[in-house]
Amino acid sequence: MVAEVFAELAVGEHSMKRLATTVFALLATLWLTSSSAYAGPQWCEEDPEFLVNGAIVDVTTTFAGSYASTVSGSVNFNVQVPSNALAVALKLPGTIPVTATISRTLPAYYGLLSVPVVVTVSMNASTSFTTTTRITGLGGGILNSAYGTSTTPQKLKFYMYGL
């Protein structure tokens, strides 16, 4: 019986050595095959959605995340639509605070497929940096890659499908 206990201990000791060797080999392999990851620059994305005469308008404004601290207050989106248009802000997500206003200041429109819309994007920033705004809607891309700066309001005019 004593011989059996010593035999089990010897097997257990052998198993522990094999386990330690395996763990060491795994850690060495992971360390040797690891590489540095480069994530690139971080971006701020302000992405409000509006409903204009039954069609969704998605306005996306982006800029380098390193400038977020230079923006005081919020990024403001003003959507101008015809005086008889139905328009509401659906959601206002963003990296920093976002505000939206709907202005019914354009002439009344009675057509169907070419509703005029003007979007103005503005912010109060202590330094000037480049912003990029893209607008998508019912028909896909409406306005792609319009460039502006943080210190000058960006005014974007386009026509969209509407009901």
N, C-alpha and C. Protein backbone atom coordinates (compact mmCIF):
# COMPACT_ATOMS: atom_id res chain seq x y z
N MET A 1 0.81 -1.18 0.00
CA MET A 1 0.00 0.00 0.00
C MET A 1 0.86 1.25 0.00
N VAL A 2 1.94 1.24 0.80
CA VAL A 2 2.84 2.39 0.85
C VAL A 2 3.48 2.60 -0.52
N ALA A 3 3.82 1.51 -1.21
CA ALA A 3 4.43 1.60 -2.53
C ALA A 3 3.46 2.25 -3.52
N GLU A 4 2.16 1.94 -3.40
CA GLU A 4 1.16 2.55 -4.30
C GLU A 4 1.04 4.05 -4.08
N VAL A 5 1.10 4.50 -2.84
CA VAL A 5 1.01 5.94 -2.53
C VAL A 5 2.21 6.66 -3.12
N PHE A 6 3.43 6.08 -2.95
CA PHE A 6 4.62 6.71 -3.52
C PHE A 6 4.56 6.72 -5.05
N ALA A 7 3.99 5.69 -5.65
CA ALA A 7 3.86 5.64 -7.10
C ALA A 7 2.92 6.75 -7.59
N GLU A 8 1.81 6.98 -6.87
CA GLU A 8 0.88 8.05 -7.25
C GLU A 8 1.53 9.42 -7.09
N LEU A 9 2.31 9.61 -6.02
CA LEU A 9 3.00 10.88 -5.83
C LEU A 9 4.02 11.12 -6.93
N ALA A 10 4.71 10.09 -7.35
CA ALA A 10 5.69 10.23 -8.43
C ALA A 10 4.99 10.61 -9.73
N VAL A 11 3.85 9.97 -9.99
CA VAL A 11 3.08 10.32 -11.19
C VAL A 11 2.56 11.74 -11.08
N GLY A 12 2.08 12.15 -9.90
CA GLY A 12 1.58 13.51 -9.69
C GLY A 12 2.69 14.53 -9.87
N GLU A 13 3.91 14.21 -9.36
CA GLU A 13 5.04 15.12 -9.52
C GLU A 13 5.41 15.26 -10.98
N HIS A 14 5.36 14.14 -11.72
CA HIS A 14 5.66 14.16 -13.16
C HIS A 14 4.62 15.01 -13.90
N SER A 15 3.34 14.88 -13.50
CA SER A 15 2.27 15.66 -14.13
C SER A 15 2.44 17.15 -13.86
N MET A 16 2.87 17.49 -12.65
CA MET A 16 3.08 18.90 -12.30
C MET A 16 4.21 19.50 -13.13
N LYS A 17 5.29 18.74 -13.33
CA LYS A 17 6.40 19.22 -14.16
C LYS A 17 5.95 19.42 -15.60
N ARG A 18 5.15 18.47 -16.10
CA ARG A 18 4.65 18.57 -17.47
C ARG A 18 3.72 19.78 -17.61
N LEU A 19 2.86 20.02 -16.62
CA LEU A 19 1.95 21.17 -16.64
C LEU A 19 2.74 22.48 -16.59
N ALA A 20 3.75 22.56 -15.73
CA ALA A 20 4.57 23.77 -15.63
C ALA A 20 5.31 24.03 -16.94
N THR A 21 5.83 22.97 -17.55
CA THR A 21 6.54 23.11 -18.83
C THR A 21 5.57 23.60 -19.92
N THR A 22 4.37 23.05 -19.94
CA THR A 22 3.38 23.45 -20.94
C THR A 22 2.97 24.92 -20.76
N VAL A 23 2.73 25.35 -19.53
CA VAL A 23 2.36 26.74 -19.26
C VAL A 23 3.49 27.67 -19.67
N PHE A 24 4.73 27.31 -19.32
CA PHE A 24 5.87 28.13 -19.69
C PHE A 24 5.98 28.25 -21.21
N ALA A 25 5.81 27.12 -21.93
CA ALA A 25 5.90 27.14 -23.39
C ALA A 25 4.79 28.01 -23.99
N LEU A 26 3.59 27.94 -23.43
CA LEU A 26 2.47 28.75 -23.92
C LEU A 26 2.74 30.24 -23.74
N LEU A 27 3.21 30.61 -22.54
CA LEU A 27 3.51 32.01 -22.27
C LEU A 27 4.64 32.52 -23.16
N ALA A 28 5.68 31.72 -23.36
CA ALA A 28 6.78 32.11 -24.23
C ALA A 28 6.30 32.31 -25.66
N THR A 29 5.44 31.43 -26.13
CA THR A 29 4.90 31.54 -27.48
C THR A 29 4.08 32.81 -27.64
N LEU A 30 3.21 33.08 -26.67
CA LEU A 30 2.40 34.30 -26.74
C LEU A 30 3.25 35.55 -26.71
N TRP A 31 4.29 35.55 -25.88
CA TRP A 31 5.15 36.73 -25.78
C TRP A 31 5.94 36.94 -27.07
N LEU A 32 6.45 35.86 -27.66
CA LEU A 32 7.26 35.97 -28.87
C LEU A 32 6.43 36.33 -30.10
N THR A 33 5.18 35.92 -30.14
CA THR A 33 4.35 36.19 -31.32
C THR A 33 3.50 37.44 -31.19
N SER A 34 3.57 38.12 -30.06
CA SER A 34 2.76 39.33 -29.90
C SER A 34 3.39 40.46 -30.68
N SER A 35 2.54 41.42 -31.08
CA SER A 35 3.03 42.60 -31.78
C SER A 35 2.26 43.81 -31.27
N SER A 36 2.83 44.95 -31.51
CA SER A 36 2.18 46.18 -31.07
C SER A 36 1.01 46.49 -32.00
N ALA A 37 -0.05 47.02 -31.44
CA ALA A 37 -1.20 47.42 -32.24
C ALA A 37 -1.18 48.93 -32.40
N TYR A 38 -1.44 49.39 -33.62
CA TYR A 38 -1.52 50.82 -33.87
C TYR A 38 -2.96 51.14 -34.24
N ALA A 39 -3.63 51.85 -33.38
CA ALA A 39 -5.05 52.12 -33.57
C ALA A 39 -5.30 53.34 -34.44
N GLY A 40 -4.34 54.20 -34.62
CA GLY A 40 -4.56 55.40 -35.41
C GLY A 40 -5.25 56.46 -34.58
N PRO A 41 -5.57 57.58 -35.20
CA PRO A 41 -6.17 58.68 -34.44
C PRO A 41 -7.60 58.37 -34.02
N GLN A 42 -8.01 58.95 -32.91
CA GLN A 42 -9.40 58.83 -32.45
C GLN A 42 -10.22 59.94 -33.11
N TRP A 43 -11.49 59.68 -33.37
CA TRP A 43 -12.35 60.65 -34.03
C TRP A 43 -13.56 60.96 -33.17
N CYS A 44 -14.02 62.18 -33.27
CA CYS A 44 -15.30 62.57 -32.69
C CYS A 44 -16.31 62.48 -33.82
N GLU A 45 -17.45 61.89 -33.54
CA GLU A 45 -18.48 61.78 -34.56
C GLU A 45 -19.80 62.25 -33.97
N GLU A 46 -20.32 63.30 -34.55
CA GLU A 46 -21.62 63.84 -34.15
C GLU A 46 -22.59 63.39 -35.24
N ASP A 47 -23.65 62.67 -34.86
CA ASP A 47 -24.45 61.95 -35.85
C ASP A 47 -25.95 62.07 -35.60
N PRO A 48 -26.51 63.28 -35.70
CA PRO A 48 -27.96 63.40 -35.48
C PRO A 48 -28.76 62.89 -36.68
N GLU A 49 -29.99 62.47 -36.41
CA GLU A 49 -30.92 62.05 -37.46
C GLU A 49 -32.16 62.92 -37.39
N PHE A 50 -32.66 63.29 -38.56
CA PHE A 50 -33.85 64.11 -38.68
C PHE A 50 -34.86 63.40 -39.58
N LEU A 51 -36.12 63.73 -39.39
CA LEU A 51 -37.18 63.25 -40.26
C LEU A 51 -37.73 64.48 -40.97
N VAL A 52 -37.62 64.49 -42.30
CA VAL A 52 -38.09 65.63 -43.09
C VAL A 52 -39.09 65.10 -44.11
N ASN A 53 -40.35 65.53 -43.98
CA ASN A 53 -41.43 65.09 -44.88
C ASN A 53 -41.44 63.58 -45.10
N GLY A 54 -41.25 62.82 -44.02
CA GLY A 54 -41.35 61.37 -44.09
C GLY A 54 -40.07 60.65 -44.46
N ALA A 55 -39.00 61.38 -44.71
CA ALA A 55 -37.73 60.74 -45.08
C ALA A 55 -36.67 61.06 -44.02
N ILE A 56 -35.86 60.08 -43.71
CA ILE A 56 -34.80 60.25 -42.72
C ILE A 56 -33.59 60.92 -43.36
N VAL A 57 -33.05 61.90 -42.66
CA VAL A 57 -31.82 62.58 -43.07
C VAL A 57 -30.81 62.36 -41.93
N ASP A 58 -29.70 61.70 -42.26
CA ASP A 58 -28.65 61.41 -41.29
C ASP A 58 -27.47 62.33 -41.59
N VAL A 59 -27.14 63.21 -40.66
CA VAL A 59 -26.03 64.15 -40.82
C VAL A 59 -24.89 63.69 -39.93
N THR A 60 -23.74 63.41 -40.51
CA THR A 60 -22.58 62.94 -39.74
C THR A 60 -21.44 63.92 -39.90
N THR A 61 -21.03 64.54 -38.80
CA THR A 61 -19.88 65.45 -38.80
C THR A 61 -18.78 64.82 -37.96
N THR A 62 -17.58 64.74 -38.52
CA THR A 62 -16.45 64.14 -37.81
C THR A 62 -15.28 65.12 -37.76
N PHE A 63 -14.46 64.96 -36.72
CA PHE A 63 -13.20 65.69 -36.60
C PHE A 63 -12.30 64.92 -35.65
N ALA A 64 -11.02 65.24 -35.68
CA ALA A 64 -10.05 64.53 -34.85
C ALA A 64 -10.40 64.67 -33.37
N GLY A 65 -10.38 63.56 -32.66
CA GLY A 65 -10.73 63.55 -31.24
C GLY A 65 -9.84 64.40 -30.38
N SER A 66 -8.63 64.66 -30.84
CA SER A 66 -7.71 65.49 -30.05
C SER A 66 -8.21 66.93 -29.91
N TYR A 67 -9.17 67.34 -30.74
CA TYR A 67 -9.71 68.69 -30.67
C TYR A 67 -10.98 68.79 -29.81
N ALA A 68 -11.47 67.69 -29.31
CA ALA A 68 -12.73 67.70 -28.54
C ALA A 68 -12.67 68.66 -27.36
N SER A 69 -11.53 68.73 -26.72
CA SER A 69 -11.42 69.61 -25.54
C SER A 69 -11.42 71.08 -25.90
N THR A 70 -11.21 71.41 -27.18
CA THR A 70 -11.23 72.82 -27.60
C THR A 70 -12.63 73.32 -27.93
N VAL A 71 -13.60 72.41 -27.97
CA VAL A 71 -14.99 72.78 -28.26
C VAL A 71 -15.69 73.09 -26.94
N SER A 72 -16.18 74.32 -26.82
CA SER A 72 -16.94 74.66 -25.61
C SER A 72 -18.42 74.65 -25.98
N GLY A 73 -19.20 74.02 -25.16
CA GLY A 73 -20.62 73.89 -25.48
C GLY A 73 -20.85 72.68 -26.35
N SER A 74 -21.74 72.84 -27.32
CA SER A 74 -22.13 71.70 -28.15
C SER A 74 -21.89 71.98 -29.63
N VAL A 75 -21.98 70.92 -30.42
CA VAL A 75 -21.99 71.05 -31.87
C VAL A 75 -23.45 71.27 -32.24
N ASN A 76 -23.72 72.34 -32.99
CA ASN A 76 -25.09 72.75 -33.30
C ASN A 76 -25.44 72.42 -34.75
N PHE A 77 -26.59 71.81 -34.93
CA PHE A 77 -27.10 71.48 -36.25
C PHE A 77 -28.41 72.25 -36.44
N ASN A 78 -28.44 73.12 -37.45
CA ASN A 78 -29.67 73.84 -37.78
C ASN A 78 -30.14 73.32 -39.13
N VAL A 79 -31.37 72.81 -39.17
CA VAL A 79 -31.93 72.27 -40.41
C VAL A 79 -33.02 73.22 -40.88
N GLN A 80 -32.82 73.82 -42.06
CA GLN A 80 -33.83 74.70 -42.66
C GLN A 80 -34.62 73.91 -43.68
N VAL A 81 -35.92 73.97 -43.57
CA VAL A 81 -36.82 73.25 -44.46
C VAL A 81 -37.89 74.21 -44.96
N PRO A 82 -38.67 73.82 -45.98
CA PRO A 82 -39.77 74.67 -46.43
C PRO A 82 -40.77 74.95 -45.30
N SER A 83 -41.44 76.08 -45.41
CA SER A 83 -42.35 76.52 -44.34
C SER A 83 -43.50 75.54 -44.09
N ASN A 84 -43.85 74.73 -45.08
CA ASN A 84 -44.94 73.77 -44.91
C ASN A 84 -44.45 72.34 -44.70
N ALA A 85 -43.18 72.17 -44.44
CA ALA A 85 -42.61 70.82 -44.27
C ALA A 85 -42.79 70.33 -42.83
N LEU A 86 -42.90 69.02 -42.71
CA LEU A 86 -42.91 68.37 -41.40
C LEU A 86 -41.48 67.94 -41.13
N ALA A 87 -40.89 68.42 -40.04
CA ALA A 87 -39.50 68.06 -39.74
C ALA A 87 -39.31 67.98 -38.23
N VAL A 88 -38.61 66.94 -37.79
CA VAL A 88 -38.30 66.75 -36.37
C VAL A 88 -36.91 66.13 -36.24
N ALA A 89 -36.27 66.36 -35.10
CA ALA A 89 -35.01 65.70 -34.78
C ALA A 89 -35.37 64.37 -34.14
N LEU A 90 -34.85 63.27 -34.67
CA LEU A 90 -35.15 61.94 -34.14
C LEU A 90 -34.19 61.53 -33.03
N LYS A 91 -32.89 61.75 -33.25
CA LYS A 91 -31.91 61.41 -32.22
C LYS A 91 -30.70 62.31 -32.37
N LEU A 92 -30.02 62.53 -31.26
CA LEU A 92 -28.89 63.46 -31.23
C LEU A 92 -27.65 62.83 -30.57
N PRO A 93 -27.15 61.71 -31.11
CA PRO A 93 -25.97 61.11 -30.50
C PRO A 93 -24.70 61.86 -30.92
N GLY A 94 -23.70 61.79 -30.07
CA GLY A 94 -22.44 62.41 -30.41
C GLY A 94 -21.39 62.15 -29.35
N THR A 95 -20.16 62.38 -29.71
CA THR A 95 -19.05 62.21 -28.78
C THR A 95 -19.07 63.32 -27.75
N ILE A 96 -19.41 64.53 -28.20
CA ILE A 96 -19.59 65.67 -27.31
C ILE A 96 -21.05 66.09 -27.45
N PRO A 97 -21.58 66.98 -26.61
CA PRO A 97 -23.00 67.33 -26.70
C PRO A 97 -23.40 67.86 -28.08
N VAL A 98 -24.61 67.54 -28.47
CA VAL A 98 -25.16 67.93 -29.77
C VAL A 98 -26.50 68.61 -29.54
N THR A 99 -26.74 69.72 -30.26
CA THR A 99 -28.05 70.37 -30.23
C THR A 99 -28.57 70.47 -31.66
N ALA A 100 -29.88 70.55 -31.79
CA ALA A 100 -30.48 70.65 -33.12
C ALA A 100 -31.67 71.61 -33.08
N THR A 101 -31.80 72.36 -34.15
CA THR A 101 -32.97 73.22 -34.32
C THR A 101 -33.53 73.00 -35.72
N ILE A 102 -34.83 73.11 -35.82
CA ILE A 102 -35.52 73.02 -37.11
C ILE A 102 -36.05 74.42 -37.41
N SER A 103 -35.70 74.95 -38.56
CA SER A 103 -36.19 76.26 -38.97
C SER A 103 -37.00 76.11 -40.26
N ARG A 104 -38.24 76.53 -40.22
CA ARG A 104 -39.09 76.47 -41.42
C ARG A 104 -39.03 77.82 -42.13
N THR A 105 -37.86 78.11 -42.68
CA THR A 105 -37.60 79.42 -43.28
C THR A 105 -37.54 79.41 -44.80
N LEU A 106 -37.53 78.25 -45.42
CA LEU A 106 -37.50 78.18 -46.88
C LEU A 106 -38.91 78.32 -47.44
N PRO A 107 -39.04 78.79 -48.69
CA PRO A 107 -40.38 78.93 -49.29
C PRO A 107 -41.15 77.61 -49.29
N ALA A 108 -42.47 77.69 -49.19
CA ALA A 108 -43.32 76.50 -49.20
C ALA A 108 -43.01 75.66 -50.43
N TYR A 109 -43.05 74.35 -50.25
CA TYR A 109 -42.75 73.43 -51.35
C TYR A 109 -43.92 72.46 -51.51
N TYR A 110 -44.38 72.29 -52.76
CA TYR A 110 -45.53 71.43 -53.02
C TYR A 110 -45.17 70.27 -53.95
N GLY A 111 -43.91 70.03 -54.19
CA GLY A 111 -43.49 68.93 -55.04
C GLY A 111 -43.45 67.62 -54.28
N LEU A 112 -42.79 66.64 -54.87
CA LEU A 112 -42.74 65.32 -54.25
C LEU A 112 -41.33 64.78 -54.08
N LEU A 113 -40.48 64.97 -55.08
CA LEU A 113 -39.20 64.28 -55.05
C LEU A 113 -37.98 65.18 -54.89
N SER A 114 -38.16 66.44 -54.65
CA SER A 114 -37.00 67.33 -54.61
C SER A 114 -37.17 68.40 -53.53
N VAL A 115 -37.28 67.98 -52.28
CA VAL A 115 -37.49 68.90 -51.17
C VAL A 115 -36.16 69.61 -50.86
N PRO A 116 -36.15 70.95 -50.89
CA PRO A 116 -34.92 71.66 -50.56
C PRO A 116 -34.65 71.64 -49.05
N VAL A 117 -33.41 71.46 -48.69
CA VAL A 117 -33.01 71.44 -47.28
C VAL A 117 -31.65 72.14 -47.18
N VAL A 118 -31.45 72.89 -46.10
CA VAL A 118 -30.16 73.51 -45.81
C VAL A 118 -29.79 73.11 -44.39
N VAL A 119 -28.60 72.54 -44.23
CA VAL A 119 -28.10 72.16 -42.91
C VAL A 119 -26.89 73.03 -42.60
N THR A 120 -26.91 73.68 -41.45
CA THR A 120 -25.76 74.47 -41.00
C THR A 120 -25.19 73.80 -39.74
N VAL A 121 -23.89 73.50 -39.79
CA VAL A 121 -23.20 72.88 -38.67
C VAL A 121 -22.25 73.93 -38.08
N SER A 122 -22.36 74.17 -36.78
CA SER A 122 -21.49 75.16 -36.15
C SER A 122 -21.09 74.70 -34.75
N MET A 123 -19.99 75.26 -34.28
CA MET A 123 -19.51 74.97 -32.92
C MET A 123 -18.64 76.12 -32.47
N ASN A 124 -18.47 76.24 -31.18
CA ASN A 124 -17.61 77.26 -30.61
C ASN A 124 -16.32 76.57 -30.18
N ALA A 125 -15.26 76.74 -30.99
CA ALA A 125 -13.98 76.09 -30.70
C ALA A 125 -12.89 77.14 -30.53
N SER A 126 -11.98 76.87 -29.63
CA SER A 126 -10.90 77.82 -29.36
C SER A 126 -9.76 77.72 -30.36
N THR A 127 -9.77 76.71 -31.21
CA THR A 127 -8.76 76.55 -32.24
C THR A 127 -9.43 76.12 -33.54
N SER A 128 -8.81 76.39 -34.64
CA SER A 128 -9.38 76.02 -35.93
C SER A 128 -8.88 74.63 -36.35
N PHE A 129 -9.81 73.77 -36.75
CA PHE A 129 -9.46 72.45 -37.24
C PHE A 129 -10.47 72.04 -38.29
N THR A 130 -10.11 71.05 -39.09
CA THR A 130 -10.94 70.60 -40.20
C THR A 130 -12.06 69.69 -39.71
N THR A 131 -13.25 69.90 -40.27
CA THR A 131 -14.40 69.03 -40.02
C THR A 131 -14.86 68.46 -41.35
N THR A 132 -15.46 67.29 -41.29
CA THR A 132 -16.02 66.66 -42.49
C THR A 132 -17.46 66.30 -42.20
N THR A 133 -18.36 66.70 -43.09
CA THR A 133 -19.77 66.38 -42.92
C THR A 133 -20.26 65.58 -44.12
N ARG A 134 -21.02 64.53 -43.81
CA ARG A 134 -21.62 63.68 -44.83
C ARG A 134 -23.10 63.55 -44.51
N ILE A 135 -23.93 63.61 -45.54
CA ILE A 135 -25.38 63.51 -45.34
C ILE A 135 -25.90 62.35 -46.16
N THR A 136 -26.64 61.47 -45.49
CA THR A 136 -27.29 60.36 -46.19
C THR A 136 -28.78 60.43 -45.89
N GLY A 137 -29.55 59.80 -46.75
CA GLY A 137 -30.99 59.85 -46.57
C GLY A 137 -31.68 58.73 -47.31
N LEU A 138 -32.92 58.99 -47.67
CA LEU A 138 -33.78 58.00 -48.30
C LEU A 138 -33.15 57.37 -49.54
N GLY A 139 -32.48 58.16 -50.34
CA GLY A 139 -31.89 57.65 -51.58
C GLY A 139 -30.43 57.28 -51.45
N GLY A 140 -29.92 57.07 -50.24
CA GLY A 140 -28.51 56.76 -50.05
C GLY A 140 -27.73 58.03 -49.79
N GLY A 141 -26.56 58.14 -50.44
CA GLY A 141 -25.72 59.32 -50.24
C GLY A 141 -26.34 60.55 -50.87
N ILE A 142 -26.51 61.61 -50.11
CA ILE A 142 -27.04 62.87 -50.64
C ILE A 142 -25.88 63.84 -50.85
N LEU A 143 -25.03 63.94 -49.86
CA LEU A 143 -23.90 64.86 -49.91
C LEU A 143 -22.72 64.18 -49.23
N ASN A 144 -21.67 63.92 -49.97
CA ASN A 144 -20.52 63.21 -49.42
C ASN A 144 -19.33 64.12 -49.20
N SER A 145 -18.70 64.00 -48.07
CA SER A 145 -17.43 64.64 -47.75
C SER A 145 -17.38 66.14 -48.05
N ALA A 146 -18.20 66.90 -47.37
CA ALA A 146 -18.12 68.35 -47.42
C ALA A 146 -17.19 68.78 -46.29
N TYR A 147 -16.14 69.51 -46.62
CA TYR A 147 -15.14 69.89 -45.64
C TYR A 147 -15.39 71.31 -45.14
N GLY A 148 -15.12 71.53 -43.86
CA GLY A 148 -15.26 72.85 -43.27
C GLY A 148 -14.25 73.02 -42.16
N THR A 149 -14.42 74.09 -41.39
CA THR A 149 -13.55 74.32 -40.25
C THR A 149 -14.40 74.55 -39.02
N SER A 150 -13.78 74.38 -37.87
CA SER A 150 -14.49 74.51 -36.61
C SER A 150 -14.88 75.95 -36.28
N THR A 151 -14.19 76.91 -36.87
CA THR A 151 -14.43 78.31 -36.52
C THR A 151 -15.39 79.01 -37.48
N THR A 152 -15.81 78.34 -38.54
CA THR A 152 -16.75 78.91 -39.51
C THR A 152 -17.93 77.96 -39.67
N PRO A 153 -19.17 78.45 -39.52
CA PRO A 153 -20.31 77.56 -39.73
C PRO A 153 -20.27 76.96 -41.14
N GLN A 154 -20.58 75.69 -41.21
CA GLN A 154 -20.60 74.97 -42.49
C GLN A 154 -22.03 74.88 -42.97
N LYS A 155 -22.33 75.49 -44.13
CA LYS A 155 -23.69 75.52 -44.67
C LYS A 155 -23.77 74.58 -45.87
N LEU A 156 -24.67 73.60 -45.78
CA LEU A 156 -24.81 72.57 -46.81
C LEU A 156 -26.21 72.60 -47.40
N LYS A 157 -26.31 72.83 -48.70
CA LYS A 157 -27.60 72.89 -49.38
C LYS A 157 -27.76 71.65 -50.25
N PHE A 158 -28.96 71.05 -50.20
CA PHE A 158 -29.21 69.87 -51.03
C PHE A 158 -30.70 69.69 -51.22
N TYR A 159 -31.05 68.79 -52.12
CA TYR A 159 -32.45 68.42 -52.37
C TYR A 159 -32.59 66.94 -52.05
N MET A 160 -33.71 66.58 -51.46
CA MET A 160 -33.90 65.19 -51.06
C MET A 160 -35.28 64.69 -51.44
N TYR A 161 -35.41 63.38 -51.42
CA TYR A 161 -36.73 62.78 -51.62
C TYR A 161 -37.60 63.09 -50.41
N GLY A 162 -38.84 63.32 -50.63
CA GLY A 162 -39.76 63.56 -49.54
C GLY A 162 -41.16 63.20 -49.98
N LEU A 163 -42.04 63.07 -49.04
CA LEU A 163 -43.43 62.70 -49.35
C LEU A 163 -44.31 63.92 -49.36
